C-alpha atoms as a PDB file:
ATOM      1  CA  MET A   1      41.042-102.044  27.137  1.00  0.00           C
ATOM      2  CA  ASP A   2      41.089 -98.909  29.080  1.00  0.00           C
ATOM      3  CA  THR A   3      38.186 -97.031  26.948  1.00  0.00           C
ATOM      4  CA  LYS A   4      36.986 -93.565  27.943  1.00  0.00           C
ATOM      5  CA  PRO A   5      33.337 -93.403  28.462  1.00  0.00           C
ATOM      6  CA  GLU A   6      31.702 -91.497  25.740  1.00  0.00           C
ATOM      7  CA  VAL A   7      30.749 -87.765  25.866  1.00  0.00           C
ATOM      8  CA  LYS A   8      28.386 -85.604  24.044  1.00  0.00           C
ATOM      9  CA  ILE A   9      28.098 -82.160  25.014  1.00  0.00           C
ATOM     10  CA  SER A  10      25.714 -79.685  23.100  1.00  0.00           C
ATOM     11  CA  ILE A  11      26.165 -76.518  22.412  1.00  0.00           C
ATOM     12  CA  ALA A  12      23.340 -73.139  22.157  1.00  0.00           C
ATOM     13  CA  ASN A  13      24.878 -69.940  20.923  1.00  0.00           C
ATOM     14  CA  CYS A  14      23.640 -66.492  19.893  1.00  0.00           C
ATOM     15  CA  ALA A  15      24.404 -65.625  16.517  1.00  0.00           C
ATOM     16  CA  GLY A  16      22.757 -61.711  16.713  1.00  0.00           C
ATOM     17  CA  ARG A  17      23.749 -58.545  14.944  1.00  0.00           C
ATOM     18  CA  SER A  18      26.177 -57.432  17.209  1.00  0.00           C
ATOM     19  CA  ASN A  19      29.968 -57.863  17.500  1.00  0.00           C
ATOM     20  CA  ILE A  20      29.568 -60.104  20.779  1.00  0.00           C
ATOM     21  CA  GLY A  21      26.602 -62.140  19.108  1.00  0.00           C
ATOM     22  CA  GLN A  22      29.000 -62.902  15.944  1.00  0.00           C
ATOM     23  CA  MET A  23      31.949 -63.586  18.113  1.00  0.00           C
ATOM     24  CA  SER A  24      29.999 -65.685  20.152  1.00  0.00           C
ATOM     25  CA  ALA A  25      28.720 -67.893  17.156  1.00  0.00           C
ATOM     26  CA  GLU A  26      32.414 -67.893  15.842  1.00  0.00           C
ATOM     27  CA  ILE A  27      33.358 -69.443  19.160  1.00  0.00           C
ATOM     28  CA  ALA A  28      30.561 -71.837  19.221  1.00  0.00           C
ATOM     29  CA  LYS A  29      32.268 -73.001  15.826  1.00  0.00           C
ATOM     30  CA  LYS A  30      35.833 -72.998  16.755  1.00  0.00           C
ATOM     31  CA  LEU A  31      34.317 -75.648  19.914  1.00  0.00           C
ATOM     32  CA  ASP A  32      32.545 -77.637  17.448  1.00  0.00           C
ATOM     33  CA  SER A  33      35.847 -78.038  15.157  1.00  0.00           C
ATOM     34  CA  VAL A  34      38.038 -78.681  17.585  1.00  0.00           C
ATOM     35  CA  LEU A  35      36.139 -81.066  20.215  1.00  0.00           C
ATOM     36  CA  PRO A  36      34.539 -83.805  18.505  1.00  0.00           C
ATOM     37  CA  TYR A  37      31.976 -84.554  21.099  1.00  0.00           C
ATOM     38  CA  ALA A  38      30.837 -81.252  21.475  1.00  0.00           C
ATOM     39  CA  ASN A  39      28.574 -80.145  18.716  1.00  0.00           C
ATOM     40  CA  ILE A  40      26.349 -77.146  17.813  1.00  0.00           C
ATOM     41  CA  ASN A  41      22.951 -77.938  18.209  1.00  0.00           C
ATOM     42  CA  CYS A  42      19.384 -76.478  16.483  1.00  0.00           C
ATOM     43  CA  LEU A  43      18.731 -73.990  19.255  1.00  0.00           C
ATOM     44  CA  PRO A  44      15.324 -72.626  17.390  1.00  0.00           C
ATOM     45  CA  ALA A  45      14.125 -76.264  16.941  1.00  0.00           C
ATOM     46  CA  ILE A  46      13.263 -76.704  20.878  1.00  0.00           C
ATOM     47  CA  PHE A  47       9.875 -75.047  20.706  1.00  0.00           C
ATOM     48  CA  PRO A  48       8.604 -76.309  17.369  1.00  0.00           C
ATOM     49  CA  LYS A  49       9.827 -79.737  19.166  1.00  0.00           C
ATOM     50  CA  LEU A  50      11.546 -80.503  15.963  1.00  0.00           C
ATOM     51  CA  LYS A  51      13.798 -83.579  15.665  1.00  0.00           C
ATOM     52  CA  PRO A  52      17.059 -81.299  15.900  1.00  0.00           C
ATOM     53  CA  ALA A  53      16.313 -80.439  19.442  1.00  0.00           C
ATOM     54  CA  ASP A  54      16.314 -83.702  20.701  1.00  0.00           C
ATOM     55  CA  LYS A  55      20.123 -83.358  20.670  1.00  0.00           C
ATOM     56  CA  PHE A  56      19.870 -80.827  23.915  1.00  0.00           C
ATOM     57  CA  PHE A  57      17.565 -83.597  25.708  1.00  0.00           C
ATOM     58  CA  GLU A  58      20.408 -86.360  25.236  1.00  0.00           C
ATOM     59  CA  ALA A  59      23.540 -84.322  25.600  1.00  0.00           C
ATOM     60  CA  ASP A  60      25.237 -85.229  28.769  1.00  0.00           C
ATOM     61  CA  ALA A  61      25.663 -81.155  29.435  1.00  0.00           C
ATOM     62  CA  ILE A  62      24.748 -78.164  27.251  1.00  0.00           C
ATOM     63  CA  VAL A  63      26.981 -75.427  27.072  1.00  0.00           C
ATOM     64  CA  VAL A  64      25.384 -71.715  26.351  1.00  0.00           C
ATOM     65  CA  ILE A  65      27.433 -69.384  24.862  1.00  0.00           C
ATOM     66  CA  ASP A  66      25.023 -65.819  24.975  1.00  0.00           C
ATOM     67  CA  GLY A  67      26.361 -62.919  23.599  1.00  0.00           C
ATOM     68  CA  CYS A  68      25.301 -60.682  25.919  1.00  0.00           C
ATOM     69  CA  ASN A  69      23.816 -59.835  29.423  1.00  0.00           C
ATOM     70  CA  GLU A  70      20.232 -60.131  27.680  1.00  0.00           C
ATOM     71  CA  ALA A  71      21.088 -63.777  28.258  1.00  0.00           C
ATOM     72  CA  CYS A  72      18.557 -64.872  24.692  1.00  0.00           C
ATOM     73  CA  VAL A  73      20.296 -68.602  24.880  1.00  0.00           C
ATOM     74  CA  LEU A  74      20.144 -69.166  28.531  1.00  0.00           C
ATOM     75  CA  LYS A  75      16.523 -68.125  28.654  1.00  0.00           C
ATOM     76  CA  THR A  76      15.664 -70.207  25.847  1.00  0.00           C
ATOM     77  CA  ILE A  77      17.192 -73.288  27.671  1.00  0.00           C
ATOM     78  CA  GLU A  78      16.095 -72.932  30.391  1.00  0.00           C
ATOM     79  CA  PHE A  79      12.110 -72.080  29.323  1.00  0.00           C
ATOM     80  CA  ALA A  80      12.507 -75.765  27.420  1.00  0.00           C
ATOM     81  CA  GLY A  81      13.302 -76.973  31.188  1.00  0.00           C
ATOM     82  CA  LEU A  82      16.464 -77.826  30.497  1.00  0.00           C
ATOM     83  CA  LYS A  83      19.960 -76.446  32.636  1.00  0.00           C
ATOM     84  CA  PRO A  84      23.435 -75.556  31.192  1.00  0.00           C
ATOM     85  CA  ALA A  85      26.715 -76.812  32.677  1.00  0.00           C
ATOM     86  CA  LEU A  86      28.462 -73.517  31.255  1.00  0.00           C
ATOM     87  CA  ARG A  87      27.550 -70.235  30.497  1.00  0.00           C
ATOM     88  CA  ILE A  88      29.527 -67.906  28.802  1.00  0.00           C
ATOM     89  CA  ALA A  89      28.845 -64.266  27.522  1.00  0.00           C
ATOM     90  CA  PRO A  90      31.942 -62.306  26.168  1.00  0.00           C
ATOM     91  CA  ASP A  91      30.700 -59.024  27.661  1.00  0.00           C
ATOM     92  CA  GLU A  92      29.913 -60.155  31.385  1.00  0.00           C
ATOM     93  CA  ASP A  93      32.748 -62.605  31.293  1.00  0.00           C
ATOM     94  CA  TYR A  94      35.705 -61.678  29.399  1.00  0.00           C
ATOM     95  CA  GLY A  95      34.778 -57.517  29.861  1.00  0.00           C
ATOM     96  CA  VAL A  96      33.843 -57.060  25.404  1.00  0.00           C
ATOM     97  CA  GLU A  97      31.896 -53.895  24.767  1.00  0.00           C
ATOM     98  CA  LYS A  98      28.732 -54.611  22.755  1.00  0.00           C
ATOM     99  CA  THR A  99      28.778 -53.078  19.613  1.00  0.00           C
ATOM    100  CA  PRO A 100      26.367 -52.828  16.682  1.00  0.00           C
ATOM    101  CA  GLY A 101      27.199 -54.527  13.627  1.00  0.00           C
ATOM    102  CA  LEU A 102      29.063 -57.879  11.610  1.00  0.00           C
ATOM    103  CA  ASN A 103      32.592 -57.360  12.900  1.00  0.00           C
ATOM    104  CA  PHE A 104      34.469 -57.954  16.106  1.00  0.00           C
ATOM    105  CA  ASP A 105      38.336 -58.298  17.323  1.00  0.00           C
ATOM    106  CA  GLU A 106      39.164 -61.680  16.036  1.00  0.00           C
ATOM    107  CA  LYS A 107      41.821 -61.973  18.162  1.00  0.00           C
ATOM    108  CA  VAL A 108      39.957 -61.031  21.185  1.00  0.00           C
ATOM    109  CA  MET A 109      37.610 -64.130  20.036  1.00  0.00           C
ATOM    110  CA  ASN A 110      40.510 -66.536  19.188  1.00  0.00           C
ATOM    111  CA  ASN A 111      41.347 -65.632  23.232  1.00  0.00           C
ATOM    112  CA  ILE A 112      38.113 -66.407  24.465  1.00  0.00           C
ATOM    113  CA  ALA A 113      37.613 -69.425  22.330  1.00  0.00           C
ATOM    114  CA  ASP A 114      40.843 -70.694  23.627  1.00  0.00           C
ATOM    115  CA  ASP A 115      39.737 -69.998  27.058  1.00  0.00           C
ATOM    116  CA  VAL A 116      35.855 -71.989  26.745  1.00  0.00           C
ATOM    117  CA  ILE A 117      37.810 -74.635  24.669  1.00  0.00           C
ATOM    118  CA  GLU A 118      39.849 -75.366  27.947  1.00  0.00           C
ATOM    119  CA  LYS A 119      36.873 -74.958  30.043  1.00  0.00           C
ATOM    120  CA  VAL A 120      34.756 -77.588  28.009  1.00  0.00           C
ATOM    121  CA  LYS A 121      37.461 -79.956  28.112  1.00  0.00           C
ATOM    122  CA  ALA A 122      37.506 -79.841  32.015  1.00  0.00           C
ATOM    123  CA  LEU A 123      33.557 -80.394  31.593  1.00  0.00           C
ATOM    124  CA  ALA A 124      33.892 -83.550  29.474  1.00  0.00           C
ATOM    125  CA  GLU A 125      36.402 -84.810  31.337  1.00  0.00           C
ATOM    126  CA  LYS A 126      34.712 -84.372  34.929  1.00  0.00           C
ATOM    127  CA  ILE A 127      31.405 -86.108  33.037  1.00  0.00           C
ATOM    128  CA  ARG A 128      33.897 -89.277  31.606  1.00  0.00           C
ATOM    129  CA  LEU A 129      35.114 -89.738  35.342  1.00  0.00           C
ATOM    130  CA  GLU A 130      31.048 -89.505  36.753  1.00  0.00           C
ATOM    131  CA  LYS A 131      30.025 -91.979  34.206  1.00  0.00           C
ATOM    132  CA  ALA A 132      33.290 -94.258  34.820  1.00  0.00           C
ATOM    133  CA  LYS A 133      32.267 -94.070  38.280  1.00  0.00           C
ATOM    134  CA  LEU A 134      28.499 -95.197  37.774  1.00  0.00           C
ATOM    135  CA  GLU A 135      29.837 -97.874  35.277  1.00  0.00           C
ATOM    136  CA  ASN A 136      32.217 -99.230  37.909  1.00  0.00           C
ATOM    137  CA  LYS A 137      29.696 -99.594  40.703  1.00  0.00           C
ATOM    138  CA  GLU A 138      27.406-101.384  38.116  1.00  0.00           C
ATOM    139  CA  VAL A 139      29.925-103.745  37.834  1.00  0.00           C
ATOM    140  CA  TRP A 140      30.487-104.376  41.612  1.00  0.00           C
ATOM    141  CA  ALA A 141      26.258-104.307  42.057  1.00  0.00           C
END
């Protein structure tokens, strides 16, 4: 029986009060709903060291979806001593202009989300291959 190694990817995202903050939250929701191994986790739980934060420390990889170049999510993850495998920001990576308010262009968000989904799939496959190599080494050791 050929089974792929399990992969756990934690998603940390912005949800700030700007178009791209809200867009980042929606992109994270799409990842969570489409990829069974990628889950949004509670970023604020890191510093009171609450149980939901464990998922970041137990993950094979962390994906950061920042809202803008302020990089609040990235800075929080790094301050906790973690390093993301992938960081996305709609303004920096896709040229989306930051504007105040909760509204954003859904078509643009869907295009970005589709691209991010492909990047996370590639990341998950890389992790699976690395785990499979380790498992094979252990079999032959």
